[in-house]
Amino acid sequence: MGAASAGIQPPGESCMASIVTLTLSPALDSATSIARLCPDAKLRCSEPRYAPGGGGINVARAIHQLGGSALALFPAGGPTGLHLAELLAAEGVPCQALPIDAWTRECLNVVEQASAQQYRFVLPGARLSETEQAQLLAALADLPELDYLVISGSLPAGLAADFIPRLLQTAEQRGARCILDSSGEVLRQALDIGGLFLIKPNLNELRTLAGEDIGEPDQLLRVARGLVDAGQCTAVLVSLGPQGALLTSRELSERITAPTVKKLSTVGAGDSLVGAVTLKLAQGASLSEAARYGVAAGSAAIMTAGSELCRRADTERLFAWLQARAAAGARD
């Protein structure tokens, strides 16, 4: 696909282990604004802005923003797929796009100027044929390096019932640590298979998974720790929005309070968190340190407008505050 396959680039100096992100439903995100949203009338929009979209792609972009490097692996088709890969290449994000017949979806974000409300129109992901699914797994198996695999985002319709098991088996055969940021059936299926290194549900996703209303801190810890004790994953990092996150594994449980920041937009906060956690782990940091860096990056993303991800300077400053707070707590 020409520019749609930028190939594999070596990680930056700050990234000691290789990171690959997988996005099964990538998107070309377009954004515009209108004076007022109303039916039937012709709505005159501002000049559109385009950006790469999709969970794993945004995780790779966040890692790049933070000075690391990750290979973004994704299916891409049609002019929208080509445009998506070109945007990633322009940002300097290494990518490998696998050609597919269906066009990559385009999603639309519209801001109504009169109310400052944002409307997000999310289209379904492009379907992957059985042959394209097999090619995606083969591409993953053929990567020269794979230490961390981040699977993030929604799934397209029509995936084979055994696709997720085969995906996790491929990662296990490569000795990769799998980090999953998804929800619904894919999260449940992956946990049933077991062997995940880290999952990052938000509170609502954990409630749905557990089938119960989680309202108390002890209840939250019990549900998260139960997944670890059952051998379904090594660690759980529950994102709690402005309340921060809960990290739990067999060895520890830690509530990380998010720093207070000026909120401009929550878009991209979760992807920034996952990217920062993965980067720190790849650099050899502990789970606790990586989780604090993730909370710092998620908070930094909230400080940016629109769909912009975390900025490195903001992330490092907030991380230093969280590190100092953790050190003070350890001395008390």
Protein backbone atom coordinates (compact mmCIF):
# COMPACT_ATOMS: atom_id res chain seq x y z
CA MET A 1 0.00 0.00 0.00
CA GLY A 2 2.96 2.33 -0.43
CA ALA A 3 2.83 4.86 2.37
CA ALA A 4 0.37 2.63 4.24
CA SER A 5 3.22 0.34 5.23
CA ALA A 6 5.90 2.35 6.95
CA GLY A 7 7.63 -0.79 8.17
CA ILE A 8 9.28 -1.45 11.50
CA GLN A 9 11.55 1.12 13.04
CA PRO A 10 13.81 0.43 15.99
CA PRO A 11 12.65 1.62 19.40
CA GLY A 12 14.05 4.84 20.79
CA GLU A 13 16.80 4.79 23.35
CA SER A 14 14.34 5.21 26.21
CA CYS A 15 12.42 2.06 25.25
CA MET A 16 14.41 -1.01 26.31
CA ALA A 17 11.89 -3.62 25.13
CA SER A 18 9.93 -3.73 21.88
CA ILE A 19 6.29 -2.64 21.94
CA VAL A 20 3.66 -3.49 19.34
CA THR A 21 0.10 -2.19 19.43
CA LEU A 22 -2.73 -3.95 17.59
CA THR A 23 -5.81 -2.05 16.43
CA LEU A 24 -8.49 -4.19 14.81
CA SER A 25 -10.89 -1.29 14.15
CA PRO A 26 -8.71 1.67 13.17
CA ALA A 27 -10.34 4.91 12.08
CA LEU A 28 -9.59 8.09 10.22
CA ASP A 29 -10.92 10.70 12.64
CA SER A 30 -12.24 13.93 11.17
CA ALA A 31 -13.21 16.93 13.29
CA THR A 32 -15.13 20.08 12.48
CA SER A 33 -17.42 22.65 14.10
CA ILE A 34 -20.74 24.29 13.30
CA ALA A 35 -22.60 27.30 14.68
CA ARG A 36 -25.60 25.26 15.82
CA LEU A 37 -26.78 21.68 15.33
CA CYS A 38 -30.31 21.46 13.90
CA PRO A 39 -32.21 18.96 11.72
CA ASP A 40 -32.88 19.21 7.97
CA ALA A 41 -30.94 22.45 7.39
CA LYS A 42 -27.65 22.57 5.53
CA LEU A 43 -25.02 22.87 8.24
CA ARG A 44 -21.99 24.90 7.13
CA CYS A 45 -18.93 23.38 8.80
CA SER A 46 -15.46 24.68 9.50
CA GLU A 47 -12.39 23.35 7.73
CA PRO A 48 -12.02 19.66 8.71
CA ARG A 49 -9.05 18.37 10.66
CA TYR A 50 -7.88 14.77 10.31
CA ALA A 51 -6.08 12.52 12.79
CA PRO A 52 -5.29 8.82 13.16
CA GLY A 53 -7.78 6.99 15.36
CA GLY A 54 -8.32 3.67 17.10
CA GLY A 55 -7.24 2.42 20.51
CA GLY A 56 -3.92 0.76 19.73
CA ILE A 57 -2.96 3.47 17.25
CA ASN A 58 -3.50 6.15 19.87
CA VAL A 59 -1.50 4.13 22.40
CA ALA A 60 1.42 4.07 19.94
CA ARG A 61 1.00 7.81 19.35
CA ALA A 62 1.05 8.48 23.10
CA ILE A 63 4.23 6.43 23.48
CA HIS A 64 5.79 8.49 20.69
CA GLN A 65 4.70 11.71 22.45
CA LEU A 66 6.44 10.48 25.60
CA GLY A 67 9.74 9.87 23.83
CA GLY A 68 9.42 6.13 23.22
CA SER A 69 8.59 4.06 20.17
CA ALA A 70 5.98 1.44 19.40
CA LEU A 71 4.99 -0.25 16.17
CA ALA A 72 1.31 0.27 15.31
CA LEU A 73 -0.04 -2.81 13.54
CA PHE A 74 -3.48 -2.51 11.95
CA PRO A 75 -5.58 -3.44 8.89
CA ALA A 76 -6.15 -0.64 6.39
CA GLY A 77 -8.15 -0.35 3.20
CA GLY A 78 -9.16 2.22 0.62
CA PRO A 79 -8.22 5.90 0.48
CA THR A 80 -9.15 6.37 4.15
CA GLY A 81 -6.71 3.61 5.16
CA LEU A 82 -3.97 5.18 3.06
CA HIS A 83 -4.64 8.61 4.58
CA LEU A 84 -4.53 7.13 8.08
CA ALA A 85 -1.12 5.53 7.50
CA GLU A 86 0.23 8.72 5.92
CA LEU A 87 -0.83 10.72 8.98
CA LEU A 88 0.98 8.28 11.27
CA ALA A 89 4.11 8.46 9.13
CA ALA A 90 3.97 12.27 9.23
CA GLU A 91 3.89 12.11 13.04
CA GLY A 92 6.90 9.78 13.05
CA VAL A 93 4.97 6.82 14.47
CA PRO A 94 6.24 3.47 13.10
CA CYS A 95 3.39 1.53 11.53
CA GLN A 96 2.65 -1.61 9.57
CA ALA A 97 -0.67 -1.53 7.72
CA LEU A 98 -2.04 -4.78 6.32
CA PRO A 99 -4.06 -4.22 3.13
CA ILE A 100 -7.74 -5.23 3.27
CA ASP A 101 -10.57 -4.94 0.75
CA ALA A 102 -12.98 -2.88 2.87
CA TRP A 103 -12.36 0.80 3.38
CA THR A 104 -11.11 1.92 6.78
CA ARG A 105 -13.94 3.66 8.63
CA GLU A 106 -14.07 7.42 9.04
CA CYS A 107 -15.45 8.82 12.30
CA LEU A 108 -16.68 12.36 12.79
CA ASN A 109 -16.36 14.72 15.77
CA VAL A 110 -18.50 17.87 15.62
CA VAL A 111 -18.39 20.77 18.07
CA GLU A 112 -21.48 22.96 18.31
CA GLN A 113 -20.14 26.47 18.86
CA ALA A 114 -23.32 27.79 20.49
CA SER A 115 -23.16 25.26 23.35
CA ALA A 116 -19.52 24.09 23.18
CA GLN A 117 -20.94 20.54 23.18
CA GLN A 118 -19.10 17.83 21.26
CA TYR A 119 -20.89 15.20 19.19
CA ARG A 120 -18.96 12.05 18.28
CA PHE A 121 -20.25 9.94 15.38
CA VAL A 122 -18.56 6.53 15.53
CA LEU A 123 -19.00 4.21 12.53
CA PRO A 124 -18.51 0.43 12.68
CA GLY A 125 -15.07 -0.94 11.91
CA ALA A 126 -14.28 -2.45 8.52
CA ARG A 127 -15.00 -6.17 8.30
CA LEU A 128 -12.04 -8.52 7.95
CA SER A 129 -12.36 -11.61 5.79
CA GLU A 130 -11.14 -14.95 7.13
CA THR A 131 -8.10 -14.65 4.88
CA GLU A 132 -7.36 -11.13 6.17
CA GLN A 133 -7.72 -12.30 9.76
CA ALA A 134 -5.21 -15.09 9.10
CA GLN A 135 -2.82 -12.63 7.44
CA LEU A 136 -3.01 -10.35 10.47
CA LEU A 137 -2.08 -13.20 12.81
CA ALA A 138 0.74 -14.25 10.46
CA ALA A 139 2.10 -10.69 10.42
CA LEU A 140 2.14 -10.68 14.21
CA ALA A 141 3.94 -14.03 14.31
CA ASP A 142 6.55 -12.81 11.79
CA LEU A 143 7.55 -9.63 13.64
CA PRO A 144 11.28 -9.71 14.44
CA GLU A 145 10.69 -8.36 17.98
CA LEU A 146 7.68 -8.60 20.27
CA ASP A 147 8.11 -8.05 24.00
CA TYR A 148 4.89 -6.17 24.77
CA LEU A 149 1.67 -6.48 22.79
CA VAL A 150 -1.05 -3.91 23.49
CA ILE A 151 -4.48 -4.91 22.21
CA SER A 152 -6.74 -1.89 22.42
CA GLY A 153 -10.03 -0.70 20.99
CA SER A 154 -13.24 -2.17 19.68
CA LEU A 155 -13.59 -5.20 17.41
CA PRO A 156 -15.04 -5.25 13.91
CA ALA A 157 -18.07 -7.41 13.23
CA GLY A 158 -17.54 -10.86 11.77
CA LEU A 159 -14.37 -11.93 13.58
CA ALA A 160 -13.97 -15.69 13.73
CA ALA A 161 -14.93 -17.22 17.08
CA ASP A 162 -11.38 -18.49 17.55
CA PHE A 163 -9.61 -15.27 16.52
CA ILE A 164 -8.95 -13.95 20.03
CA PRO A 165 -7.69 -17.35 21.29
CA ARG A 166 -5.38 -17.63 18.27
CA LEU A 167 -4.20 -14.05 18.80
CA LEU A 168 -3.30 -14.67 22.43
CA GLN A 169 -1.69 -17.99 21.55
CA THR A 170 0.50 -16.25 18.96
CA ALA A 171 1.59 -13.69 21.54
CA GLU A 172 2.29 -16.42 24.10
CA GLN A 173 4.42 -18.34 21.60
CA ARG A 174 6.45 -15.18 21.03
CA GLY A 175 6.90 -14.72 24.79
CA ALA A 176 5.14 -11.34 24.72
CA ARG A 177 3.44 -9.72 27.69
CA CYS A 178 -0.14 -8.90 26.65
CA ILE A 179 -1.83 -5.71 27.79
CA LEU A 180 -5.54 -5.55 26.99
CA ASP A 181 -7.68 -2.39 26.96
CA SER A 182 -11.05 -3.48 25.66
CA SER A 183 -14.48 -4.31 26.97
CA GLY A 184 -17.46 -6.58 26.61
CA GLU A 185 -17.11 -10.00 25.07
CA VAL A 186 -13.47 -9.62 23.99
CA LEU A 187 -12.44 -8.81 27.57
CA ARG A 188 -14.45 -11.71 28.97
CA GLN A 189 -13.15 -14.14 26.35
CA ALA A 190 -9.52 -13.08 26.85
CA LEU A 191 -9.80 -13.45 30.63
CA ASP A 192 -11.34 -16.91 30.25
CA ILE A 193 -8.33 -17.95 28.19
CA GLY A 194 -5.98 -16.48 30.81
CA GLY A 195 -2.34 -15.54 30.57
CA LEU A 196 -2.83 -11.79 30.15
CA PHE A 197 -0.23 -9.62 31.82
CA LEU A 198 -2.37 -6.53 32.45
CA ILE A 199 -5.92 -5.43 31.82
CA LYS A 200 -7.10 -1.81 32.10
CA PRO A 201 -10.89 -1.67 32.54
CA ASN A 202 -12.68 1.42 33.72
CA LEU A 203 -15.15 1.13 36.58
CA ASN A 204 -18.19 0.60 34.35
CA GLU A 205 -16.40 -2.09 32.33
CA LEU A 206 -15.41 -3.87 35.54
CA ARG A 207 -19.00 -3.68 36.80
CA THR A 208 -20.26 -5.25 33.58
CA LEU A 209 -17.60 -7.94 33.75
CA ALA A 210 -18.38 -8.78 37.37
CA GLY A 211 -22.14 -8.57 36.92
CA GLU A 212 -22.53 -6.49 40.06
CA ASP A 213 -22.73 -2.86 41.11
CA ILE A 214 -19.36 -1.88 42.55
CA GLY A 215 -19.75 1.00 44.96
CA GLU A 216 -17.30 0.55 47.82
CA PRO A 217 -13.46 0.54 47.72
CA ASP A 218 -13.29 -2.89 49.40
CA GLN A 219 -15.71 -4.29 46.84
CA LEU A 220 -13.65 -2.83 43.99
CA LEU A 221 -10.48 -4.40 45.36
CA ARG A 222 -12.20 -7.75 45.88
CA VAL A 223 -13.43 -7.93 42.28
CA ALA A 224 -10.09 -6.86 40.79
CA ARG A 225 -8.07 -9.15 43.06
CA GLY A 226 -10.39 -12.04 42.18
CA LEU A 227 -9.32 -11.86 38.52
CA VAL A 228 -5.68 -12.06 39.57
CA ASP A 229 -6.21 -14.87 42.08
CA ALA A 230 -8.07 -16.87 39.42
CA GLY A 231 -5.00 -16.71 37.17
CA GLN A 232 -6.83 -14.75 34.47
CA CYS A 233 -4.24 -11.96 34.47
CA THR A 234 -1.13 -10.90 36.36
CA ALA A 235 -2.36 -7.41 37.22
CA VAL A 236 -5.46 -5.20 36.97
CA LEU A 237 -5.34 -1.43 36.60
CA VAL A 238 -8.82 0.05 37.02
CA SER A 239 -9.08 3.60 35.73
CA LEU A 240 -11.34 5.72 37.92
CA GLY A 241 -11.43 9.01 36.00
CA PRO A 242 -10.69 12.02 38.21
CA GLN A 243 -10.29 9.66 41.19
CA GLY A 244 -7.17 8.12 39.63
CA ALA A 245 -6.72 4.35 39.44
CA LEU A 246 -6.52 1.14 41.42
CA LEU A 247 -3.62 -1.21 40.76
CA THR A 248 -3.70 -4.75 42.07
CA SER A 249 -1.61 -7.90 41.60
CA ARG A 250 -0.72 -10.87 43.81
CA GLU A 251 2.01 -8.83 45.51
CA LEU A 252 0.34 -5.44 45.95
CA SER A 253 -2.69 -3.23 45.84
CA GLU A 254 -2.30 0.52 45.44
CA ARG A 255 -4.79 3.34 45.04
CA ILE A 256 -3.27 6.12 42.96
CA THR A 257 -4.92 9.49 43.40
CA ALA A 258 -4.96 11.59 40.25
CA PRO A 259 -3.48 15.09 40.51
CA THR A 260 -5.94 17.96 40.23
CA VAL A 261 -5.69 19.55 36.78
CA LYS A 262 -7.76 21.89 34.63
CA LYS A 263 -10.07 19.75 32.52
CA LEU A 264 -10.32 20.61 28.83
CA SER A 265 -11.20 17.23 27.32
CA THR A 266 -11.27 13.60 28.47
CA VAL A 267 -10.76 12.27 24.92
CA GLY A 268 -7.50 10.32 24.70
CA ALA A 269 -6.96 10.04 28.45
CA GLY A 270 -7.36 6.26 28.56
CA ASP A 271 -5.07 5.68 25.57
CA SER A 272 -2.48 8.03 27.07
CA LEU A 273 -2.63 6.09 30.35
CA VAL A 274 -2.11 2.74 28.62
CA GLY A 275 0.70 4.08 26.46
CA ALA A 276 2.55 5.54 29.45
CA VAL A 277 2.17 2.35 31.52
CA THR A 278 3.47 0.21 28.67
CA LEU A 279 6.42 2.50 27.99
CA LYS A 280 7.53 2.49 31.64
CA LEU A 281 7.21 -1.30 31.84
CA ALA A 282 9.27 -1.65 28.66
CA GLN A 283 11.92 0.52 30.29
CA GLY A 284 12.09 -1.90 33.23
CA ALA A 285 10.00 0.02 35.77
CA SER A 286 7.94 -1.69 38.47
CA LEU A 287 4.18 -2.05 38.12
CA SER A 288 3.64 0.66 40.74
CA GLU A 289 5.91 3.17 39.03
CA ALA A 290 4.42 2.38 35.62
CA ALA A 291 0.88 2.82 36.95
CA ARG A 292 1.75 6.21 38.45
CA TYR A 293 3.28 7.29 35.15
CA GLY A 294 0.08 6.15 33.45
CA VAL A 295 -2.11 8.20 35.79
CA ALA A 296 0.16 11.20 35.15
CA ALA A 297 -0.23 10.79 31.39
CA GLY A 298 -4.00 10.34 31.64
CA SER A 299 -4.22 13.54 33.69
CA ALA A 300 -1.96 15.32 31.20
CA ALA A 301 -4.30 14.34 28.36
CA ILE A 302 -7.22 15.91 30.21
CA MET A 303 -5.31 19.19 30.13
CA THR A 304 -5.30 19.23 26.31
CA ALA A 305 -8.15 20.35 24.06
CA GLY A 306 -10.10 18.18 21.63
CA SER A 307 -8.62 14.77 20.89
CA GLU A 308 -5.01 15.73 21.61
CA LEU A 309 -3.08 13.16 23.64
CA CYS A 310 -0.77 13.71 26.61
CA ARG A 311 2.17 16.09 26.35
CA ARG A 312 5.50 14.88 27.64
CA ALA A 313 6.35 17.95 29.73
CA ASP A 314 2.99 17.85 31.51
CA THR A 315 3.28 14.10 32.07
CA GLU A 316 6.77 14.33 33.56
CA ARG A 317 5.78 17.16 35.89
CA LEU A 318 2.68 15.32 37.17
CA PHE A 319 4.64 12.07 37.48
CA ALA A 320 7.25 13.79 39.64
CA TRP A 321 4.43 15.01 41.92
CA LEU A 322 2.98 11.48 42.16
CA GLN A 323 6.41 9.98 42.86
CA ALA A 324 7.05 12.50 45.64
CA ARG A 325 3.64 11.81 47.13
CA ALA A 326 4.25 8.06 47.07
CA ALA A 327 7.67 8.50 48.70
CA ALA A 328 6.15 10.69 51.43
CA GLY A 329 3.49 8.06 52.06
CA ALA A 330 6.11 5.34 52.35
CA ARG A 331 7.95 7.36 55.05
CA ASP A 332 4.81 7.92 57.14
